Protein backbone atom coordinates (compact mmCIF):
# COMPACT_ATOMS: atom_id res chain seq x y z
CA UNK A 1 27.70 21.36 13.41
CA UNK A 2 26.40 19.54 16.46
CA UNK A 3 23.12 20.56 18.08
CA UNK A 4 23.38 18.74 21.40
CA UNK A 5 25.14 16.33 23.71
CA UNK A 6 24.14 12.89 24.97
CA UNK A 7 23.03 13.11 28.61
CA UNK A 8 21.62 9.70 29.40
CA UNK A 9 20.77 6.50 27.64
CA UNK A 10 19.80 2.89 27.59
CA UNK A 11 20.38 0.55 24.69
CA UNK A 12 16.81 1.08 23.46
CA UNK A 13 16.48 4.76 24.44
CA UNK A 14 18.99 7.57 24.02
CA UNK A 15 18.52 11.10 25.37
CA UNK A 16 20.37 14.25 24.49
CA UNK A 17 20.20 17.86 25.63
CA UNK A 18 20.04 20.79 23.26
CA UNK A 19 19.41 24.52 23.42
CA UNK A 20 16.00 25.92 24.27
CA UNK A 21 15.90 27.60 20.85
CA UNK A 22 16.68 24.41 18.91
CA UNK A 23 13.60 23.17 17.07
CA UNK A 24 13.40 19.40 17.47
CA UNK A 25 10.77 17.35 15.65
CA UNK A 26 9.35 13.90 16.16
CA UNK A 27 10.73 11.65 13.41
CA UNK A 28 13.99 13.55 12.84
CA UNK A 29 16.99 11.44 11.92
CA UNK A 30 20.13 12.31 13.89
CA UNK A 31 23.71 11.10 14.14
CA UNK A 32 25.72 10.66 17.34
CA UNK A 33 29.48 10.71 16.85
CA UNK A 34 31.57 8.77 19.32
CA UNK A 35 34.55 10.83 20.42
CA UNK A 36 37.89 9.43 19.25
CA UNK A 37 36.32 6.53 17.34
CA UNK A 38 35.02 6.06 13.83
CA UNK A 39 31.60 5.02 15.03
CA UNK A 40 28.36 6.79 14.21
CA UNK A 41 25.13 5.98 15.98
CA UNK A 42 21.93 6.63 14.05
CA UNK A 43 18.88 7.62 16.08
CA UNK A 44 15.33 8.85 15.49
CA UNK A 45 13.53 11.33 17.73
CA UNK A 46 10.35 9.80 19.15
CA UNK A 47 9.54 12.51 21.73
CA UNK A 48 10.62 16.00 22.82
CA UNK A 49 10.66 17.31 26.39
CA UNK A 50 11.32 20.68 28.03
CA UNK A 51 13.62 21.11 31.01
CA UNK A 52 15.18 23.78 33.19
CA UNK A 53 18.25 24.18 35.39
CA UNK A 54 16.60 24.98 38.71
CA UNK A 55 16.78 23.97 42.37
CA UNK A 56 13.10 23.18 42.51
CA UNK A 57 11.16 20.77 40.29
CA UNK A 58 8.24 23.20 40.08
CA UNK A 59 10.37 26.15 38.99
CA UNK A 60 8.96 26.17 35.45
CA UNK A 61 5.40 26.17 36.76
CA UNK A 62 6.15 28.98 39.20
CA UNK A 63 7.95 31.01 36.55
CA UNK A 64 5.02 30.55 34.15
CA UNK A 65 2.69 31.85 36.86
CA UNK A 66 4.77 35.01 37.35
CA UNK A 67 4.81 35.60 33.58
CA UNK A 68 1.02 35.28 33.45
CA UNK A 69 0.69 37.89 36.20
CA UNK A 70 2.90 40.22 34.15
CA UNK A 71 0.65 39.57 31.14
CA UNK A 72 -2.37 40.70 33.17
CA UNK A 73 -0.53 43.89 34.11
CA UNK A 74 0.56 44.37 30.46
CA UNK A 75 4.18 44.22 31.57
CA UNK A 76 6.80 43.14 29.03
CA UNK A 77 8.42 39.76 29.55
CA UNK A 78 11.84 39.09 28.04
CA UNK A 79 12.56 35.37 27.77
CA UNK A 80 16.26 36.11 27.26
CA UNK A 81 16.55 36.71 30.97
CA UNK A 82 15.93 33.06 31.74
CA UNK A 83 16.80 31.48 28.40
CA UNK A 84 20.12 30.07 29.59
CA UNK A 85 18.30 28.06 32.25
CA UNK A 86 15.96 26.43 29.73
CA UNK A 87 16.71 23.48 27.47
CA UNK A 88 15.09 20.76 25.43
CA UNK A 89 15.60 17.01 25.58
CA UNK A 90 15.34 14.74 22.58
CA UNK A 91 14.15 11.24 23.43
CA UNK A 92 15.41 8.92 20.71
CA UNK A 93 15.17 5.33 19.60
CA UNK A 94 18.40 3.87 18.20
CA UNK A 95 18.37 2.71 14.60
CA UNK A 96 21.85 1.17 14.54
CA UNK A 97 25.48 2.15 14.14
CA UNK A 98 28.02 2.16 11.34
CA UNK A 99 31.63 1.10 11.65
CA UNK A 100 34.14 0.13 8.98
CA UNK A 101 31.61 0.56 6.18
CA UNK A 102 29.09 -1.81 7.77
CA UNK A 103 25.76 -1.14 9.47
CA UNK A 104 24.73 -3.12 12.53
CA UNK A 105 21.96 -3.12 15.10
CA UNK A 106 22.78 -1.21 18.27
CA UNK A 107 24.05 -3.46 21.06
CA UNK A 108 25.87 -0.76 23.02
CA UNK A 109 25.41 2.91 23.85
CA UNK A 110 27.33 6.08 22.97
CA UNK A 111 29.41 7.77 25.66
CA UNK A 112 28.02 10.57 27.80
CA UNK A 113 28.31 14.03 26.20
CA UNK A 114 28.89 12.59 22.71
CA UNK A 115 28.00 15.12 20.02
CA UNK A 116 24.58 14.93 18.35
CA UNK A 117 24.01 16.41 14.90
CA UNK A 118 21.44 16.30 12.13
CA UNK A 119 21.89 13.65 9.46
CA UNK A 120 22.94 14.49 5.92
CA UNK A 121 22.49 12.62 2.65
CA UNK A 122 26.07 11.33 2.92
CA UNK A 123 25.39 9.79 6.34
CA UNK A 124 22.73 7.54 4.90
CA UNK A 125 24.62 6.47 1.79
CA UNK A 126 24.74 2.92 3.20
CA UNK A 127 20.95 2.74 2.76
CA UNK A 128 21.24 2.70 -1.02
CA UNK A 129 21.93 -1.03 -1.08
CA UNK A 130 18.77 -1.69 0.94
CA UNK A 131 16.40 0.60 -0.95
CA UNK A 132 15.07 -0.74 -4.21
CA UNK A 133 14.78 0.62 -7.71
CA UNK A 134 11.02 1.31 -7.60
CA UNK A 135 11.27 4.91 -6.46
CA UNK A 136 8.37 6.48 -4.53
CA UNK A 137 9.84 9.53 -2.80
CA UNK A 138 12.67 11.11 -0.82
CA UNK A 139 14.12 10.35 2.59
CA UNK A 140 12.44 12.47 5.25
CA UNK A 141 13.76 13.70 8.60
CA UNK A 142 10.89 15.29 10.49
CA UNK A 143 9.59 17.94 8.08
CA UNK A 144 12.96 18.15 6.32
CA UNK A 145 13.22 16.26 3.02
CA UNK A 146 16.68 15.05 2.03
CA UNK A 147 17.88 14.72 -1.55
CA UNK A 148 18.00 10.96 -1.20
CA UNK A 149 15.68 8.74 -3.31
CA UNK A 150 13.67 6.11 -1.47
CA UNK A 151 11.98 3.09 -2.99
CA UNK A 152 11.37 -0.61 -2.69
CA UNK A 153 12.66 -3.55 -4.67
CA UNK A 154 10.40 -5.34 -7.10
CA UNK A 155 11.71 -8.54 -5.55
CA UNK A 156 9.53 -7.61 -2.57
CA UNK A 157 6.37 -7.86 -4.71
CA UNK A 158 5.73 -11.59 -4.12
CA UNK A 159 6.21 -11.01 -0.37
CA UNK A 160 3.08 -8.82 -0.36
CA UNK A 161 2.65 -5.12 0.32
CA UNK A 162 0.20 -3.21 2.50
CA UNK A 163 -0.71 0.47 2.00
CA UNK A 164 -2.69 1.81 4.94
CA UNK A 165 -3.93 5.34 5.58
CA UNK A 166 -6.91 7.43 6.54
CA UNK A 167 -8.78 9.10 3.68
CA UNK A 168 -6.88 12.03 2.21
CA UNK A 169 -3.42 10.98 3.40
CA UNK A 170 -2.13 9.96 -0.04
CA UNK A 171 -2.82 6.28 -0.75
CA UNK A 172 -3.79 6.87 -4.41
CA UNK A 173 -0.86 9.22 -4.96
CA UNK A 174 1.50 6.54 -3.63
CA UNK A 175 -0.08 3.89 -5.85
CA UNK A 176 0.38 6.04 -8.95
CA UNK A 177 4.04 6.59 -8.04
CA UNK A 178 4.57 2.84 -7.69
CA UNK A 179 2.92 2.28 -11.07
CA UNK A 180 4.93 5.01 -12.78
CA UNK A 181 8.23 3.62 -11.48
CA UNK A 182 7.24 0.15 -12.71
CA UNK A 183 6.38 1.62 -16.12
CA UNK A 184 9.83 3.18 -16.33
CA UNK A 185 11.67 0.02 -15.29
CA UNK A 186 9.71 -2.62 -17.24
CA UNK A 187 10.97 -5.39 -14.96
CA UNK A 188 7.82 -6.22 -12.99
CA UNK A 189 4.15 -6.82 -13.66
CA UNK A 190 1.78 -4.57 -11.73
CA UNK A 191 -2.00 -5.04 -11.87
CA UNK A 192 -4.29 -2.38 -10.40
CA UNK A 193 -8.03 -2.87 -9.92
CA UNK A 194 -9.53 0.63 -9.83
CA UNK A 195 -13.09 0.75 -8.42
CA UNK A 196 -13.03 4.58 -8.12
CA UNK A 197 -11.89 5.62 -11.60
CA UNK A 198 -8.99 7.74 -10.38
CA UNK A 199 -5.89 6.12 -11.83
CA UNK A 200 -6.40 6.51 -15.57
CA UNK A 201 -6.81 10.29 -15.85
CA UNK A 202 -6.50 11.45 -12.23
CA UNK A 203 -10.19 11.37 -11.42
CA UNK A 204 -10.62 15.11 -10.90
CA UNK A 205 -9.61 18.49 -12.27
CA UNK A 206 -5.97 19.33 -11.61
CA UNK A 207 -4.96 15.70 -11.07
CA UNK A 208 -2.98 13.55 -13.46
CA UNK A 209 -3.27 9.84 -14.07
CA UNK A 210 -1.24 7.06 -15.60
CA UNK A 211 -2.32 8.07 -19.11
CA UNK A 212 -0.18 11.20 -18.74
CA UNK A 213 3.02 9.17 -18.41
CA UNK A 214 5.27 9.50 -21.44
CA UNK A 215 6.19 5.82 -21.58
CA UNK A 216 5.11 4.00 -24.72
CA UNK A 217 3.86 0.43 -24.50
CA UNK A 218 4.23 0.27 -20.69
CA UNK A 219 0.55 0.63 -19.75
CA UNK A 220 -2.48 -1.42 -20.76
CA UNK A 221 -5.97 -0.29 -19.78
CA UNK A 222 -9.16 -2.35 -19.60
CA UNK A 223 -12.43 -0.67 -18.71
CA UNK A 224 -16.16 -1.33 -18.45
CA UNK A 225 -16.89 2.36 -19.10
CA UNK A 226 -15.96 4.67 -21.91
CA UNK A 227 -12.61 6.43 -21.46
CA UNK A 228 -11.06 9.34 -23.31
CA UNK A 229 -8.11 7.41 -24.57
CA UNK A 230 -7.07 3.97 -25.78
CA UNK A 231 -8.48 1.07 -23.79
CA UNK A 232 -9.83 -2.45 -24.23
CA UNK A 233 -13.40 -3.23 -23.27
CA UNK A 234 -13.65 -5.31 -20.13
CA UNK A 235 -15.17 -8.75 -20.75
CA UNK A 236 -15.04 -12.07 -18.90
CA UNK A 237 -16.02 -15.45 -20.26
CA UNK A 238 -18.80 -17.27 -18.40
CA UNK A 239 -16.65 -20.39 -18.61
CA UNK A 240 -13.97 -18.74 -16.45
CA UNK A 241 -16.25 -18.28 -13.44
CA UNK A 242 -16.07 -20.93 -10.73
CA UNK A 243 -18.42 -21.61 -7.83
CA UNK A 244 -15.71 -20.39 -5.45
CA UNK A 245 -15.74 -17.03 -7.26
CA UNK A 246 -19.47 -16.66 -6.61
CA UNK A 247 -18.95 -17.61 -2.97
CA UNK A 248 -16.56 -14.69 -2.70
CA UNK A 249 -19.48 -12.40 -3.61
CA UNK A 250 -22.46 -13.96 -1.84
CA UNK A 251 -23.23 -16.21 1.09
CA UNK A 252 -24.84 -19.43 -0.12
CA UNK A 253 -26.63 -22.02 1.95
CA UNK A 254 -25.51 -25.62 1.75
CA UNK A 255 -28.51 -26.44 -0.45
CA UNK A 256 -27.63 -23.59 -2.84
CA UNK A 257 -24.01 -24.75 -3.10
CA UNK A 258 -25.13 -28.29 -3.86
CA UNK A 259 -27.49 -26.93 -6.52
CA UNK A 260 -24.63 -25.00 -8.15
CA UNK A 261 -22.40 -28.08 -8.07
CA UNK A 262 -25.11 -30.27 -9.59
CA UNK A 263 -25.79 -27.70 -12.33
CA UNK A 264 -22.08 -27.47 -13.14
CA UNK A 265 -21.89 -31.24 -13.48
CA UNK A 266 -25.08 -31.49 -15.55
CA UNK A 267 -24.63 -28.51 -17.91
CA UNK A 268 -20.85 -28.74 -18.26
CA UNK A 269 -18.69 -25.73 -19.13
CA UNK A 270 -21.77 -23.63 -20.05
CA UNK A 271 -23.41 -24.21 -16.66
CA UNK A 272 -23.48 -20.55 -15.65
CA UNK A 273 -25.20 -19.37 -18.81
CA UNK A 274 -27.69 -22.22 -18.66
CA UNK A 275 -28.64 -21.29 -15.09
CA UNK A 276 -29.05 -17.67 -16.11
CA UNK A 277 -31.05 -18.25 -19.30
CA UNK A 278 -33.32 -21.14 -18.35
CA UNK A 279 -36.51 -20.78 -16.32
CA UNK A 280 -36.83 -22.12 -12.81
CA UNK A 281 -39.13 -24.91 -14.00
CA UNK A 282 -36.66 -25.96 -16.70
CA UNK A 283 -33.78 -26.04 -14.22
CA UNK A 284 -35.84 -28.04 -11.71
CA UNK A 285 -36.65 -30.60 -14.39
CA UNK A 286 -33.08 -30.78 -15.69
CA UNK A 287 -31.72 -31.35 -12.19
CA UNK A 288 -34.25 -34.07 -11.46
CA UNK A 289 -36.45 -32.03 -9.11
CA UNK A 290 -33.81 -32.41 -6.43
CA UNK A 291 -33.89 -28.73 -5.38
CA UNK A 292 -36.64 -26.45 -4.15
CA UNK A 293 -37.81 -23.67 -6.48
CA UNK A 294 -36.88 -21.08 -3.85
CA UNK A 295 -33.28 -22.29 -3.84
CA UNK A 296 -33.04 -21.94 -7.62
CA UNK A 297 -34.77 -18.55 -7.54
CA UNK A 298 -32.15 -17.15 -5.16
CA UNK A 299 -29.35 -18.37 -7.40
CA UNK A 300 -30.97 -16.91 -10.54
CA UNK A 301 -31.49 -13.49 -8.90
CA UNK A 302 -27.85 -13.34 -7.98
CA UNK A 303 -26.72 -14.39 -11.43
CA UNK A 304 -28.97 -11.77 -13.02
CA UNK A 305 -27.10 -9.09 -11.08
CA UNK A 306 -23.74 -10.08 -12.58
CA UNK A 307 -25.08 -10.56 -16.12
CA UNK A 308 -26.89 -7.21 -16.28
CA UNK A 309 -23.93 -5.13 -17.49
CA UNK A 310 -23.01 -7.32 -20.44
CA UNK A 311 -19.76 -7.94 -18.59
CA UNK A 312 -20.06 -11.73 -19.02
CA UNK A 313 -19.70 -13.08 -22.55
CA UNK A 314 -20.39 -16.52 -24.02
CA UNK A 315 -17.45 -16.16 -26.40
CA UNK A 316 -14.17 -17.09 -24.65
CA UNK A 317 -12.23 -15.19 -27.33
CA UNK A 318 -13.63 -11.88 -26.06
CA UNK A 319 -12.35 -12.42 -22.52
CA UNK A 320 -9.51 -10.14 -21.42
CA UNK A 321 -8.00 -12.62 -18.95
CA UNK A 322 -5.41 -14.15 -21.27
CA UNK A 323 -4.38 -10.70 -22.53
CA UNK A 324 -3.99 -9.40 -18.97
CA UNK A 325 -1.67 -12.28 -18.07
CA UNK A 326 0.42 -11.74 -21.21
CA UNK A 327 0.81 -8.04 -20.38
CA UNK A 328 1.91 -8.80 -16.82
CA UNK A 329 4.40 -11.40 -18.03
CA UNK A 330 5.74 -8.71 -20.39
CA UNK A 331 6.38 -6.54 -17.31
CA UNK A 332 3.66 -3.99 -18.00
CA UNK A 333 1.39 -2.04 -15.70
CA UNK A 334 -2.19 -3.19 -16.20
CA UNK A 335 -5.06 -0.96 -15.11
CA UNK A 336 -8.56 -2.46 -14.85
CA UNK A 337 -11.16 0.29 -14.38
CA UNK A 338 -14.37 -1.07 -12.82
CA UNK A 339 -15.69 2.24 -11.56
CA UNK A 340 -19.13 1.99 -13.19
CA UNK A 341 -19.84 -1.52 -11.93
CA UNK A 342 -21.71 -2.46 -8.79
CA UNK A 343 -19.65 -3.97 -6.00
CA UNK A 344 -20.59 -7.58 -6.79
CA UNK A 345 -19.51 -7.28 -10.45
CA UNK A 346 -16.35 -5.41 -9.52
CA UNK A 347 -15.36 -8.08 -6.99
CA UNK A 348 -16.16 -10.81 -9.50
CA UNK A 349 -13.74 -9.27 -12.01
CA UNK A 350 -10.92 -9.04 -9.46
CA UNK A 351 -11.56 -12.56 -8.19
CA UNK A 352 -11.63 -14.28 -11.58
CA UNK A 353 -8.60 -12.47 -12.98
CA UNK A 354 -6.52 -12.86 -9.80
CA UNK A 355 -7.25 -16.58 -9.72
CA UNK A 356 -6.28 -16.92 -13.40
CA UNK A 357 -2.94 -15.15 -12.80
CA UNK A 358 -2.15 -17.31 -9.80
CA UNK A 359 -3.08 -20.55 -11.54
CA UNK A 360 -1.07 -19.63 -14.65
CA UNK A 361 2.06 -18.94 -12.62
CA UNK A 362 1.48 -22.09 -10.62
CA UNK A 363 1.27 -24.06 -13.87
CA UNK A 364 4.48 -22.46 -15.21
CA UNK A 365 6.29 -23.33 -11.98
CA UNK A 366 6.62 -26.88 -13.31
CA UNK A 367 8.87 -25.64 -16.13
CA UNK A 368 11.95 -24.14 -14.50
CA UNK A 369 13.31 -22.32 -17.56
CA UNK A 370 9.96 -20.82 -18.50
CA UNK A 371 9.16 -19.87 -14.90
CA UNK A 372 12.48 -18.05 -14.49
CA UNK A 373 11.51 -15.73 -17.35
CA UNK A 374 8.28 -14.73 -15.59
CA UNK A 375 8.68 -11.37 -13.77
CA UNK A 376 7.33 -10.90 -10.24
CA UNK A 377 3.69 -9.77 -10.36
CA UNK A 378 1.86 -7.58 -7.86
CA UNK A 379 -1.96 -7.47 -7.70
CA UNK A 380 -3.26 -4.29 -6.04
CA UNK A 381 -6.69 -4.29 -4.40
CA UNK A 382 -8.36 -1.02 -3.37
CA UNK A 383 -10.68 -1.25 -0.34
CA UNK A 384 -8.93 -4.52 0.42
CA UNK A 385 -10.88 -5.12 3.63
CA UNK A 386 -13.87 -6.14 1.49
CA UNK A 387 -12.13 -9.29 0.28
CA UNK A 388 -9.62 -9.85 3.08
CA UNK A 389 -11.94 -9.49 6.06
CA UNK A 390 -13.18 -13.06 6.09
CA UNK A 391 -10.95 -14.35 3.33
CA UNK A 392 -9.89 -17.76 4.56
CA UNK A 393 -11.29 -19.61 1.55
CA UNK A 394 -10.83 -16.96 -1.13
CA UNK A 395 -8.24 -16.75 -3.88
CA UNK A 396 -6.79 -13.68 -2.17
CA UNK A 397 -6.15 -15.65 1.01
CA UNK A 398 -4.50 -18.35 -1.09
CA UNK A 399 -2.28 -15.79 -2.82
CA UNK A 400 -1.33 -14.31 0.57
CA UNK A 401 -0.30 -17.76 1.82
CA UNK A 402 1.26 -19.28 -1.32
CA UNK A 403 1.90 -16.46 -3.79
CA UNK A 404 5.52 -15.93 -2.82
CA UNK A 405 6.49 -19.32 -4.23
CA UNK A 406 4.86 -18.55 -7.57
CA UNK A 407 6.01 -14.90 -7.92
CA UNK A 408 2.54 -13.47 -7.27
CA UNK A 409 2.14 -10.82 -4.59
CA UNK A 410 -0.87 -9.05 -3.14
CA UNK A 411 -0.99 -5.30 -2.49
CA UNK A 412 -3.73 -4.42 0.00
CA UNK A 413 -4.83 -0.78 -0.01
CA UNK A 414 -7.11 0.04 2.90
CA UNK A 415 -8.24 2.67 5.39
CA UNK A 416 -9.06 0.06 8.02
CA UNK A 417 -6.42 -2.61 8.58
CA UNK A 418 -8.34 -3.72 11.67
CA UNK A 419 -11.00 -5.21 9.36
CA UNK A 420 -8.50 -7.43 7.56
CA UNK A 421 -8.10 -10.98 8.81
CA UNK A 422 -5.11 -11.02 11.23
CA UNK A 423 -3.68 -14.18 9.64
CA UNK A 424 -3.77 -12.51 6.21
CA UNK A 425 -2.27 -9.20 7.32
CA UNK A 426 0.59 -11.05 9.00
CA UNK A 427 1.65 -12.22 5.52
CA UNK A 428 2.38 -8.66 4.34
CA UNK A 429 6.12 -8.14 4.59
CA UNK A 430 6.33 -4.53 3.39
CA UNK A 431 4.01 -1.91 4.90
CA UNK A 432 3.53 1.67 3.77
CA UNK A 433 2.09 3.36 6.85
CA UNK A 434 0.65 6.80 6.17
CA UNK A 435 -1.43 8.83 8.63
CA UNK A 436 -3.76 6.63 10.72
CA UNK A 437 -6.06 8.24 13.27
CA UNK A 438 -7.52 5.08 14.81
CA UNK A 439 -5.39 3.55 17.56
CA UNK A 440 -6.73 0.07 16.83
CA UNK A 441 -5.49 0.37 13.24
CA UNK A 442 -2.05 1.46 14.45
CA UNK A 443 -1.91 -1.39 16.97
CA UNK A 444 -2.75 -3.93 14.26
CA UNK A 445 0.14 -2.70 12.12
CA UNK A 446 2.55 -2.54 15.05
CA UNK A 447 1.82 -6.17 15.83
CA UNK A 448 2.15 -7.36 12.23
CA UNK A 449 5.01 -5.17 10.90
CA UNK A 450 8.26 -6.99 10.13
CA UNK A 451 10.17 -3.97 11.48
CA UNK A 452 9.70 -2.79 15.06
CA UNK A 453 7.45 0.28 14.83
CA UNK A 454 6.13 0.01 18.40
CA UNK A 455 7.97 3.17 19.45
CA UNK A 456 6.89 5.23 16.44
CA UNK A 457 3.30 5.85 17.53
CA UNK A 458 3.89 9.60 17.98
CA UNK A 459 5.45 9.85 14.53
CA UNK A 460 2.63 7.92 12.84
CA UNK A 461 0.04 10.17 14.49
CA UNK A 462 1.80 13.31 13.28
CA UNK A 463 2.28 12.24 9.66
CA UNK A 464 1.02 14.79 7.16
CA UNK A 465 -0.53 13.94 3.77
CA UNK A 466 2.17 12.47 1.53
CA UNK A 467 4.39 11.42 4.44
CA UNK A 468 4.88 7.74 5.17
CA UNK A 469 6.91 5.14 7.01
CA UNK A 470 8.08 2.06 5.12
CA UNK A 471 8.39 -0.95 7.41
CA UNK A 472 10.03 -3.87 5.63
CA UNK A 473 12.37 -6.77 6.44
CA UNK A 474 14.41 -5.69 3.41
CA UNK A 475 15.54 -2.47 5.18
CA UNK A 476 17.58 -2.14 8.40
CA UNK A 477 14.93 0.06 10.04
CA UNK A 478 11.58 1.65 9.26
CA UNK A 479 12.27 4.30 6.60
CA UNK A 480 10.60 7.75 6.81
CA UNK A 481 9.72 9.04 3.35
CA UNK A 482 8.09 11.99 1.66
CA UNK A 483 6.14 10.53 -1.24
CA UNK A 484 6.51 12.31 -4.57
CA UNK A 485 3.52 14.33 -5.66
CA UNK A 486 2.56 12.32 -8.73
CA UNK A 487 1.84 15.40 -10.86
CA UNK A 488 5.43 16.56 -10.28
CA UNK A 489 6.98 13.10 -10.59
CA UNK A 490 5.33 12.40 -13.94
CA UNK A 491 6.26 15.86 -15.26
CA UNK A 492 9.98 15.18 -14.95
CA UNK A 493 10.03 13.30 -18.24
CA UNK A 494 6.76 14.48 -19.74
CA UNK A 495 6.66 15.88 -23.25
CA UNK A 496 3.29 14.95 -24.70
CA UNK A 497 0.38 13.06 -23.27
CA UNK A 498 0.79 9.41 -24.14
CA UNK A 499 -1.83 6.78 -23.50
CA UNK A 500 -1.72 3.05 -23.98
CA UNK A 501 -0.56 1.30 -27.12
CA UNK A 502 -2.94 0.85 -30.00
CA UNK A 503 -6.62 1.46 -30.37
CA UNK A 504 -9.57 0.30 -28.34
CA UNK A 505 -10.83 -3.14 -29.18
CA UNK A 506 -14.36 -2.03 -28.42
CA UNK A 507 -16.60 0.38 -26.57
CA UNK A 508 -18.90 -0.32 -23.64
CA UNK A 509 -22.32 -1.35 -24.80
CA UNK A 510 -25.08 1.24 -24.90
CA UNK A 511 -27.03 -0.39 -22.08
CA UNK A 512 -24.20 0.24 -19.62
CA UNK A 513 -24.98 2.73 -16.89
CA UNK A 514 -22.62 5.56 -16.04
CA UNK A 515 -22.63 6.94 -12.53
């Protein structure tokens, strides 16, 4: 049943009139049927206006004044007396049109008085070939949720993904849905660095985490704190840490960088441990008294901060890095919980492991047969603005620029896209835009999105928690979606609580702090 008729349009804006009682919503998906032709135009409401059939432009204002006077006199007002004169106008942006089983961008306009109706699941059947197998929710039309699964393709992983939202709008819920779908499919590697401790068991009462998924052997957990379930203790080898990794954590003067480089050359592969264990006087003597004691003191204080948790080991066999890469190449979801570490240690872990993954895939690229067997890998970074704000020389910037070639993608999760380097954010091909209150954040995404979302500002501002827009070059238009509530999504196939495979290879040492 149609709800309105087209009354005026341009190629990039279509208007239709409907009844005063018809409830139109920003973000609704509608269909316009061309009379006598098998053409359907697909449009999205971007604004709603009121109108009235009256001789004077100020009739509505005058009528409202008379009604207010009646209110003061406690007189009854019956809107039915003027209802036929009132109407609503839907201001729409065209999404495209379908004809002969094909979908094309709109280059023409529907005829005047063409019928407008609400879209059904059948109308959007053509979308199935554009939406991927990693399901995250259902197609949304305003507040109405259609029985139509929405997801992204794992082939989009190396092209980078951005998840942007104000606190409380559902970023973590979306991330858990992505992880759960990957666990079910076992076609893609998905690495999540969790600095907040919310992905393993939900993080709070009433929430569920990835450990509740009934999928054997699909999840591997590494943690620097004790968890109630199978996990592997988080350890990194001192030999894996490069000077560039330390530069990602701290600002070093030129003299301090030269000191680090000289120490690396002099001490060899154990340079980091030697700098940490030796006294300032010993280091000065070893390096030929070329550096001031103050320079070495600054370096040692910073190294002490990353050695204090027992996170760094001298035994390369205890490092998790190789195991993490193997799990990702076996298409598993890997969760690295760093929630009890300070920011410097947490960033060090993500930097070292991300670099190792990238370098491994880059090495395998030289062997075509072996590289073809490697699944696409996505590395998810919470609070991504910390490492992508001034990231020009970091491993994350390198992955953003070159990762596509080597099947390594970056997933930036952030509340403040405006703090991410513009050159980096322009590399993200698929954006999940949830509610964003700051106009500067919305403008950043509008300028960098690979789909035109410039006319969706009203819709983005009115998004409720769990509602999102997916802007991607892999879809014909920006897709509105209602993200699954993870607790419901995981319960669909849940029988018993299942954690990760096997037993823990260790427990955090007793000197670790828990906070």
